[in-house]
Amino acid sequence: MSWWLADVDATDALGAAMANTRPDHAVVHLQGDLGAGKSSLARALLRALGVVGAIRSPTYTLVERYPLASGGEAWHLDLYRIADAGELEFLGLDGDEARLWLVEWPDRGQGGLPPPDLLVALAVDGVGRRVELSAPTEVGQAWLARISAATATLGSPGLS
């Protein structure tokens, strides 16, 4: 399933659709080149989940943790700066605390991360972004169906 995101409003609309249809526990792998919009989509999703205050890119901290109003935490990871998955052990990631994993550059943590429910591939496309979602798990497939239904009713300009 893919969309073209014309602007920030369209990115926010997709993030809201993802947040409003999210399963209780989910792992999202965000893929794309530098500047493709991975952090922007993660920020939109977290904001739609009710995270207030600064939502920082974890480029240098590697992980940012955000409490969720529904309980548990959302973790936003950026693995661009790690050399191999073994370095994940030093981040103190206990999967029981995280209700949502948002992982940028997941290929660098391969073997040390939980399997993804949703794969999000982003790319610059003209003045906007192209985003493609796929779901390798049953949880992800059900989520993707809910996202599709939610975006069909959005009527958001720029989300097509």
N, C-alpha and C. Protein backbone atom coordinates (compact mmCIF):
# COMPACT_ATOMS: atom_id res chain seq x y z
N MET A 1 0.85 -1.16 0.00
CA MET A 1 0.00 0.00 0.00
C MET A 1 0.90 1.23 0.00
N SER A 2 0.61 2.19 -0.86
CA SER A 2 1.48 3.36 -0.90
C SER A 2 0.67 4.64 -1.03
N TRP A 3 1.31 5.72 -0.59
CA TRP A 3 0.72 7.05 -0.65
C TRP A 3 1.79 8.04 -1.07
N TRP A 4 1.35 9.13 -1.63
CA TRP A 4 2.22 10.26 -1.89
C TRP A 4 1.84 11.31 -0.87
N LEU A 5 2.82 11.78 -0.11
CA LEU A 5 2.60 12.80 0.93
C LEU A 5 3.09 14.13 0.38
N ALA A 6 2.17 15.02 0.11
CA ALA A 6 2.50 16.29 -0.53
C ALA A 6 3.20 17.26 0.41
N ASP A 7 2.89 17.16 1.71
CA ASP A 7 3.40 18.17 2.64
C ASP A 7 3.32 17.66 4.08
N VAL A 8 3.63 18.55 5.01
CA VAL A 8 3.63 18.20 6.44
C VAL A 8 2.23 17.78 6.89
N ASP A 9 1.20 18.45 6.39
CA ASP A 9 -0.17 18.09 6.78
C ASP A 9 -0.51 16.66 6.38
N ALA A 10 -0.07 16.25 5.20
CA ALA A 10 -0.32 14.89 4.74
C ALA A 10 0.45 13.88 5.60
N THR A 11 1.68 14.22 5.96
CA THR A 11 2.47 13.36 6.84
C THR A 11 1.79 13.23 8.20
N ASP A 12 1.31 14.36 8.72
CA ASP A 12 0.59 14.34 10.00
C ASP A 12 -0.68 13.50 9.91
N ALA A 13 -1.39 13.57 8.78
CA ALA A 13 -2.61 12.79 8.60
C ALA A 13 -2.31 11.30 8.59
N LEU A 14 -1.24 10.90 7.91
CA LEU A 14 -0.87 9.48 7.90
C LEU A 14 -0.43 9.05 9.30
N GLY A 15 0.37 9.87 9.97
CA GLY A 15 0.78 9.55 11.34
C GLY A 15 -0.42 9.38 12.26
N ALA A 16 -1.43 10.25 12.11
CA ALA A 16 -2.64 10.14 12.93
C ALA A 16 -3.41 8.87 12.61
N ALA A 17 -3.49 8.53 11.33
CA ALA A 17 -4.19 7.29 10.94
C ALA A 17 -3.47 6.08 11.54
N MET A 18 -2.15 6.10 11.52
CA MET A 18 -1.39 5.00 12.11
C MET A 18 -1.61 4.94 13.62
N ALA A 19 -1.60 6.10 14.28
CA ALA A 19 -1.78 6.14 15.73
C ALA A 19 -3.18 5.69 16.14
N ASN A 20 -4.18 6.15 15.42
CA ASN A 20 -5.56 5.86 15.78
C ASN A 20 -5.97 4.43 15.52
N THR A 21 -5.17 3.69 14.78
CA THR A 21 -5.50 2.30 14.45
C THR A 21 -4.48 1.32 15.02
N ARG A 22 -3.54 1.82 15.78
CA ARG A 22 -2.41 1.04 16.29
C ARG A 22 -2.85 -0.12 17.17
N PRO A 23 -2.22 -1.28 17.00
CA PRO A 23 -2.47 -2.39 17.92
C PRO A 23 -1.82 -2.10 19.28
N ASP A 24 -2.13 -2.92 20.26
CA ASP A 24 -1.61 -2.69 21.61
C ASP A 24 -0.09 -2.73 21.66
N HIS A 25 0.53 -3.65 20.95
CA HIS A 25 1.98 -3.75 20.85
C HIS A 25 2.35 -3.86 19.37
N ALA A 26 3.34 -3.07 18.95
CA ALA A 26 3.73 -3.11 17.55
C ALA A 26 5.16 -2.65 17.38
N VAL A 27 5.79 -3.20 16.34
CA VAL A 27 7.14 -2.82 15.95
C VAL A 27 7.07 -2.30 14.52
N VAL A 28 7.60 -1.08 14.32
CA VAL A 28 7.59 -0.44 13.01
C VAL A 28 9.03 -0.19 12.59
N HIS A 29 9.40 -0.67 11.41
CA HIS A 29 10.71 -0.38 10.84
C HIS A 29 10.53 0.71 9.80
N LEU A 30 11.26 1.81 9.98
CA LEU A 30 11.21 2.96 9.08
C LEU A 30 12.47 2.94 8.22
N GLN A 31 12.28 2.84 6.91
CA GLN A 31 13.40 2.71 5.99
C GLN A 31 13.38 3.86 5.00
N GLY A 32 14.57 4.28 4.58
CA GLY A 32 14.69 5.32 3.58
C GLY A 32 16.01 6.05 3.74
N ASP A 33 16.38 6.76 2.70
CA ASP A 33 17.62 7.52 2.73
C ASP A 33 17.54 8.67 3.73
N LEU A 34 18.69 9.29 3.99
CA LEU A 34 18.71 10.49 4.82
C LEU A 34 17.78 11.52 4.19
N GLY A 35 16.95 12.15 5.02
CA GLY A 35 16.05 13.18 4.54
C GLY A 35 14.77 12.67 3.91
N ALA A 36 14.52 11.37 3.98
CA ALA A 36 13.33 10.79 3.36
C ALA A 36 12.06 11.04 4.16
N GLY A 37 12.18 11.41 5.43
CA GLY A 37 11.01 11.71 6.24
C GLY A 37 10.71 10.71 7.34
N LYS A 38 11.66 9.85 7.67
CA LYS A 38 11.45 8.84 8.71
C LYS A 38 11.12 9.48 10.05
N SER A 39 11.95 10.43 10.47
CA SER A 39 11.73 11.09 11.77
C SER A 39 10.45 11.93 11.75
N SER A 40 10.15 12.54 10.61
CA SER A 40 8.92 13.35 10.51
C SER A 40 7.68 12.50 10.69
N LEU A 41 7.65 11.32 10.07
CA LEU A 41 6.50 10.45 10.23
C LEU A 41 6.43 9.91 11.65
N ALA A 42 7.57 9.53 12.22
CA ALA A 42 7.59 9.06 13.61
C ALA A 42 7.07 10.15 14.54
N ARG A 43 7.49 11.38 14.33
CA ARG A 43 7.05 12.50 15.16
C ARG A 43 5.54 12.71 15.03
N ALA A 44 5.02 12.62 13.81
CA ALA A 44 3.58 12.78 13.58
C ALA A 44 2.79 11.69 14.31
N LEU A 45 3.28 10.45 14.25
CA LEU A 45 2.62 9.34 14.93
C LEU A 45 2.64 9.55 16.45
N LEU A 46 3.80 9.91 16.98
CA LEU A 46 3.92 10.11 18.43
C LEU A 46 3.04 11.27 18.90
N ARG A 47 3.01 12.35 18.12
CA ARG A 47 2.18 13.49 18.49
C ARG A 47 0.71 13.06 18.51
N ALA A 48 0.28 12.26 17.52
CA ALA A 48 -1.10 11.79 17.47
C ALA A 48 -1.42 10.83 18.62
N LEU A 49 -0.40 10.21 19.18
CA LEU A 49 -0.61 9.34 20.35
C LEU A 49 -0.67 10.13 21.65
N GLY A 50 -0.54 11.45 21.55
CA GLY A 50 -0.67 12.30 22.73
C GLY A 50 0.63 12.69 23.39
N VAL A 51 1.76 12.39 22.77
CA VAL A 51 3.04 12.80 23.34
C VAL A 51 3.13 14.32 23.25
N VAL A 52 3.39 14.94 24.40
CA VAL A 52 3.51 16.40 24.45
C VAL A 52 4.96 16.77 24.70
N GLY A 53 5.28 18.01 24.42
CA GLY A 53 6.65 18.46 24.60
C GLY A 53 7.49 18.11 23.39
N ALA A 54 8.79 18.27 23.56
CA ALA A 54 9.72 18.04 22.46
C ALA A 54 9.75 16.57 22.06
N ILE A 55 9.71 16.32 20.79
CA ILE A 55 9.92 14.98 20.24
C ILE A 55 11.19 15.08 19.42
N ARG A 56 12.27 14.58 20.01
CA ARG A 56 13.59 14.73 19.42
C ARG A 56 13.92 13.57 18.50
N SER A 57 14.71 13.85 17.48
CA SER A 57 15.25 12.79 16.66
C SER A 57 16.32 12.08 17.48
N PRO A 58 16.30 10.76 17.52
CA PRO A 58 17.30 10.04 18.31
C PRO A 58 18.62 9.80 17.58
N THR A 59 18.97 10.69 16.67
CA THR A 59 20.19 10.50 15.87
C THR A 59 21.42 10.31 16.74
N TYR A 60 21.56 11.09 17.80
CA TYR A 60 22.76 11.00 18.64
C TYR A 60 22.51 10.22 19.92
N THR A 61 21.29 10.25 20.44
CA THR A 61 21.00 9.50 21.67
C THR A 61 20.71 8.03 21.38
N LEU A 62 20.43 7.69 20.13
CA LEU A 62 20.08 6.36 19.63
C LEU A 62 18.67 5.93 20.00
N VAL A 63 18.19 6.31 21.18
CA VAL A 63 16.82 5.96 21.57
C VAL A 63 16.21 7.10 22.38
N GLU A 64 14.98 7.41 22.07
CA GLU A 64 14.18 8.34 22.87
C GLU A 64 12.94 7.58 23.31
N ARG A 65 12.59 7.74 24.58
CA ARG A 65 11.45 7.02 25.16
C ARG A 65 10.36 8.03 25.50
N TYR A 66 9.13 7.67 25.18
CA TYR A 66 8.00 8.55 25.42
C TYR A 66 6.89 7.79 26.14
N PRO A 67 6.44 8.29 27.30
CA PRO A 67 5.32 7.63 27.97
C PRO A 67 4.03 7.82 27.16
N LEU A 68 3.24 6.77 27.12
CA LEU A 68 1.97 6.81 26.40
C LEU A 68 0.83 6.95 27.39
N ALA A 69 -0.17 7.72 27.04
CA ALA A 69 -1.33 7.92 27.91
C ALA A 69 -2.04 6.59 28.19
N SER A 70 -1.97 5.66 27.24
CA SER A 70 -2.62 4.37 27.40
C SER A 70 -1.78 3.38 28.22
N GLY A 71 -0.61 3.81 28.66
CA GLY A 71 0.29 2.96 29.43
C GLY A 71 1.46 2.47 28.60
N GLY A 72 2.54 2.18 29.27
CA GLY A 72 3.74 1.74 28.58
C GLY A 72 4.45 2.90 27.91
N GLU A 73 5.38 2.56 27.05
CA GLU A 73 6.19 3.57 26.38
C GLU A 73 6.25 3.31 24.88
N ALA A 74 6.51 4.39 24.16
CA ALA A 74 6.88 4.30 22.75
C ALA A 74 8.37 4.57 22.70
N TRP A 75 9.08 3.76 21.93
CA TRP A 75 10.52 3.95 21.77
C TRP A 75 10.80 4.32 20.33
N HIS A 76 11.55 5.38 20.16
CA HIS A 76 11.97 5.82 18.83
C HIS A 76 13.48 5.62 18.77
N LEU A 77 13.92 4.71 17.93
CA LEU A 77 15.33 4.38 17.79
C LEU A 77 15.85 4.84 16.44
N ASP A 78 17.07 5.34 16.43
CA ASP A 78 17.78 5.66 15.19
C ASP A 78 19.11 4.93 15.26
N LEU A 79 19.25 3.89 14.46
CA LEU A 79 20.42 3.02 14.53
C LEU A 79 21.50 3.37 13.51
N TYR A 80 21.39 4.53 12.90
CA TYR A 80 22.34 4.94 11.86
C TYR A 80 23.78 4.88 12.35
N ARG A 81 24.03 5.22 13.60
CA ARG A 81 25.38 5.35 14.12
C ARG A 81 25.94 4.08 14.78
N ILE A 82 25.18 2.99 14.78
CA ILE A 82 25.74 1.78 15.38
C ILE A 82 26.43 0.94 14.31
N ALA A 83 27.42 0.19 14.72
CA ALA A 83 28.19 -0.62 13.78
C ALA A 83 27.57 -1.99 13.58
N ASP A 84 27.01 -2.57 14.65
CA ASP A 84 26.36 -3.88 14.52
C ASP A 84 25.33 -4.04 15.62
N ALA A 85 24.50 -5.07 15.48
CA ALA A 85 23.38 -5.30 16.38
C ALA A 85 23.82 -5.54 17.82
N GLY A 86 25.05 -6.00 18.03
CA GLY A 86 25.54 -6.25 19.39
C GLY A 86 25.54 -5.00 20.25
N GLU A 87 25.64 -3.84 19.63
CA GLU A 87 25.64 -2.58 20.38
C GLU A 87 24.28 -2.29 21.01
N LEU A 88 23.23 -2.94 20.55
CA LEU A 88 21.90 -2.71 21.11
C LEU A 88 21.83 -3.12 22.58
N GLU A 89 22.65 -4.08 22.97
CA GLU A 89 22.65 -4.54 24.36
C GLU A 89 22.95 -3.42 25.33
N PHE A 90 23.74 -2.44 24.90
CA PHE A 90 24.14 -1.35 25.78
C PHE A 90 23.08 -0.27 25.92
N LEU A 91 21.99 -0.39 25.16
CA LEU A 91 20.93 0.61 25.24
C LEU A 91 19.91 0.31 26.33
N GLY A 92 19.99 -0.86 26.92
CA GLY A 92 19.07 -1.21 28.01
C GLY A 92 17.63 -1.32 27.54
N LEU A 93 17.42 -1.90 26.40
CA LEU A 93 16.07 -2.04 25.86
C LEU A 93 15.42 -3.30 26.41
N ASP A 94 14.39 -3.10 27.21
CA ASP A 94 13.61 -4.21 27.74
C ASP A 94 12.27 -4.18 27.01
N GLY A 95 12.06 -5.13 26.14
CA GLY A 95 10.89 -5.14 25.28
C GLY A 95 9.56 -5.09 26.00
N ASP A 96 9.52 -5.45 27.30
CA ASP A 96 8.26 -5.45 28.03
C ASP A 96 7.74 -4.03 28.27
N GLU A 97 8.64 -3.06 28.34
CA GLU A 97 8.22 -1.67 28.58
C GLU A 97 7.64 -1.03 27.34
N ALA A 98 8.10 -1.43 26.18
CA ALA A 98 7.72 -0.77 24.93
C ALA A 98 6.43 -1.34 24.37
N ARG A 99 5.47 -0.47 24.15
CA ARG A 99 4.24 -0.85 23.48
C ARG A 99 4.34 -0.56 21.99
N LEU A 100 5.27 0.37 21.64
CA LEU A 100 5.48 0.73 20.25
C LEU A 100 6.97 0.97 20.02
N TRP A 101 7.52 0.29 19.04
CA TRP A 101 8.90 0.49 18.61
C TRP A 101 8.85 1.19 17.26
N LEU A 102 9.54 2.31 17.12
CA LEU A 102 9.72 3.00 15.85
C LEU A 102 11.21 2.98 15.58
N VAL A 103 11.65 2.20 14.62
CA VAL A 103 13.07 1.95 14.42
C VAL A 103 13.53 2.47 13.05
N GLU A 104 14.37 3.50 13.08
CA GLU A 104 15.00 4.00 11.86
C GLU A 104 16.31 3.24 11.65
N TRP A 105 16.63 2.98 10.40
CA TRP A 105 17.83 2.22 10.01
C TRP A 105 17.84 0.83 10.67
N PRO A 106 16.72 0.08 10.58
CA PRO A 106 16.63 -1.21 11.25
C PRO A 106 17.63 -2.25 10.75
N ASP A 107 18.10 -2.10 9.51
CA ASP A 107 19.05 -3.07 8.98
C ASP A 107 20.33 -3.12 9.81
N ARG A 108 20.67 -2.03 10.48
CA ARG A 108 21.89 -1.99 11.31
C ARG A 108 21.71 -2.72 12.63
N GLY A 109 20.48 -3.00 12.99
CA GLY A 109 20.21 -3.74 14.23
C GLY A 109 19.68 -5.14 13.97
N GLN A 110 19.83 -5.59 12.73
CA GLN A 110 19.30 -6.89 12.35
C GLN A 110 19.82 -8.00 13.25
N GLY A 111 18.90 -8.79 13.76
CA GLY A 111 19.24 -9.88 14.67
C GLY A 111 19.12 -9.47 16.13
N GLY A 112 19.08 -8.18 16.41
CA GLY A 112 18.96 -7.70 17.78
C GLY A 112 17.66 -6.98 18.06
N LEU A 113 16.78 -6.95 17.07
CA LEU A 113 15.50 -6.26 17.20
C LEU A 113 14.35 -7.25 17.11
N PRO A 114 13.22 -6.90 17.71
CA PRO A 114 12.05 -7.75 17.48
C PRO A 114 11.62 -7.63 16.01
N PRO A 115 10.99 -8.65 15.49
CA PRO A 115 10.57 -8.60 14.08
C PRO A 115 9.51 -7.51 13.87
N PRO A 116 9.53 -6.88 12.69
CA PRO A 116 8.59 -5.79 12.44
C PRO A 116 7.18 -6.29 12.13
N ASP A 117 6.21 -5.54 12.63
CA ASP A 117 4.82 -5.76 12.24
C ASP A 117 4.49 -4.94 11.01
N LEU A 118 5.16 -3.79 10.91
CA LEU A 118 4.90 -2.88 9.80
C LEU A 118 6.24 -2.38 9.26
N LEU A 119 6.40 -2.46 7.95
CA LEU A 119 7.57 -1.91 7.27
C LEU A 119 7.13 -0.65 6.56
N VAL A 120 7.83 0.45 6.80
CA VAL A 120 7.50 1.74 6.20
C VAL A 120 8.72 2.18 5.40
N ALA A 121 8.55 2.25 4.08
CA ALA A 121 9.63 2.70 3.20
C ALA A 121 9.27 4.09 2.69
N LEU A 122 10.18 5.04 2.94
CA LEU A 122 9.96 6.43 2.53
C LEU A 122 11.01 6.86 1.52
N ALA A 123 10.60 7.72 0.60
CA ALA A 123 11.53 8.25 -0.41
C ALA A 123 11.06 9.63 -0.84
N VAL A 124 12.02 10.50 -1.12
CA VAL A 124 11.69 11.81 -1.67
C VAL A 124 11.10 11.59 -3.06
N ASP A 125 10.01 12.30 -3.34
CA ASP A 125 9.33 12.18 -4.64
C ASP A 125 8.87 13.57 -5.05
N GLY A 126 9.67 14.25 -5.85
CA GLY A 126 9.35 15.62 -6.24
C GLY A 126 9.41 16.53 -5.03
N VAL A 127 8.34 17.27 -4.80
CA VAL A 127 8.29 18.18 -3.65
C VAL A 127 7.75 17.48 -2.41
N GLY A 128 7.31 16.24 -2.55
CA GLY A 128 6.75 15.50 -1.42
C GLY A 128 7.53 14.23 -1.13
N ARG A 129 6.83 13.28 -0.55
CA ARG A 129 7.40 11.99 -0.18
C ARG A 129 6.50 10.88 -0.66
N ARG A 130 7.08 9.78 -1.04
CA ARG A 130 6.36 8.56 -1.35
C ARG A 130 6.56 7.64 -0.16
N VAL A 131 5.48 7.06 0.34
CA VAL A 131 5.58 6.13 1.45
C VAL A 131 4.87 4.84 1.07
N GLU A 132 5.53 3.73 1.36
CA GLU A 132 4.96 2.42 1.09
C GLU A 132 4.95 1.62 2.38
N LEU A 133 3.79 1.08 2.72
CA LEU A 133 3.63 0.27 3.92
C LEU A 133 3.39 -1.17 3.53
N SER A 134 4.06 -2.07 4.23
CA SER A 134 3.81 -3.50 4.07
C SER A 134 3.84 -4.14 5.45
N ALA A 135 3.21 -5.30 5.54
CA ALA A 135 3.03 -5.93 6.84
C ALA A 135 3.41 -7.41 6.79
N PRO A 136 4.54 -7.78 7.42
CA PRO A 136 4.97 -9.17 7.39
C PRO A 136 4.33 -10.08 8.46
N THR A 137 3.56 -9.49 9.40
CA THR A 137 2.93 -10.31 10.45
C THR A 137 1.41 -10.16 10.38
N GLU A 138 0.72 -11.07 11.04
CA GLU A 138 -0.75 -10.96 11.10
C GLU A 138 -1.17 -9.69 11.82
N VAL A 139 -0.46 -9.33 12.89
CA VAL A 139 -0.76 -8.09 13.60
C VAL A 139 -0.61 -6.91 12.65
N GLY A 140 0.47 -6.90 11.89
CA GLY A 140 0.72 -5.83 10.94
C GLY A 140 -0.30 -5.80 9.81
N GLN A 141 -0.71 -6.97 9.33
CA GLN A 141 -1.69 -7.02 8.25
C GLN A 141 -3.03 -6.44 8.70
N ALA A 142 -3.44 -6.78 9.91
CA ALA A 142 -4.68 -6.22 10.45
C ALA A 142 -4.55 -4.71 10.63
N TRP A 143 -3.40 -4.27 11.12
CA TRP A 143 -3.15 -2.85 11.31
C TRP A 143 -3.18 -2.12 9.96
N LEU A 144 -2.54 -2.69 8.98
CA LEU A 144 -2.50 -2.08 7.65
C LEU A 144 -3.91 -1.94 7.07
N ALA A 145 -4.74 -2.92 7.28
CA ALA A 145 -6.13 -2.84 6.80
C ALA A 145 -6.86 -1.68 7.50
N ARG A 146 -6.62 -1.50 8.78
CA ARG A 146 -7.26 -0.39 9.52
C ARG A 146 -6.72 0.96 9.04
N ILE A 147 -5.40 1.02 8.77
CA ILE A 147 -4.80 2.26 8.26
C ILE A 147 -5.43 2.60 6.91
N SER A 148 -5.56 1.60 6.05
CA SER A 148 -6.14 1.82 4.73
C SER A 148 -7.56 2.37 4.83
N ALA A 149 -8.35 1.78 5.70
CA ALA A 149 -9.73 2.25 5.89
C ALA A 149 -9.74 3.67 6.44
N ALA A 150 -8.85 3.95 7.38
CA ALA A 150 -8.81 5.28 7.99
C ALA A 150 -8.38 6.35 6.98
N THR A 151 -7.39 6.04 6.15
CA THR A 151 -6.91 7.03 5.19
C THR A 151 -7.92 7.22 4.05
N ALA A 152 -8.73 6.22 3.77
CA ALA A 152 -9.75 6.35 2.72
C ALA A 152 -10.81 7.37 3.12
N THR A 153 -11.00 7.55 4.42
CA THR A 153 -12.02 8.49 4.90
C THR A 153 -11.44 9.83 5.31
N LEU A 154 -10.12 9.99 5.21
CA LEU A 154 -9.50 11.24 5.65
C LEU A 154 -9.86 12.43 4.78
N GLY A 155 -9.87 12.21 3.49
CA GLY A 155 -10.13 13.32 2.59
C GLY A 155 -9.09 14.42 2.72
N SER A 156 -7.88 14.04 3.12
CA SER A 156 -6.82 15.01 3.33
C SER A 156 -6.16 15.39 2.02
N PRO A 157 -6.14 16.70 1.69
CA PRO A 157 -5.41 17.07 0.48
C PRO A 157 -3.93 16.74 0.64
N GLY A 158 -3.33 16.21 -0.38
CA GLY A 158 -1.91 15.90 -0.32
C GLY A 158 -1.62 14.48 0.11
N LEU A 159 -2.62 13.77 0.63
CA LEU A 159 -2.44 12.36 1.00
C LEU A 159 -3.18 11.56 -0.06
N SER A 160 -2.43 11.05 -1.00
CA SER A 160 -3.07 10.32 -2.09
C SER A 160 -2.28 9.08 -2.46
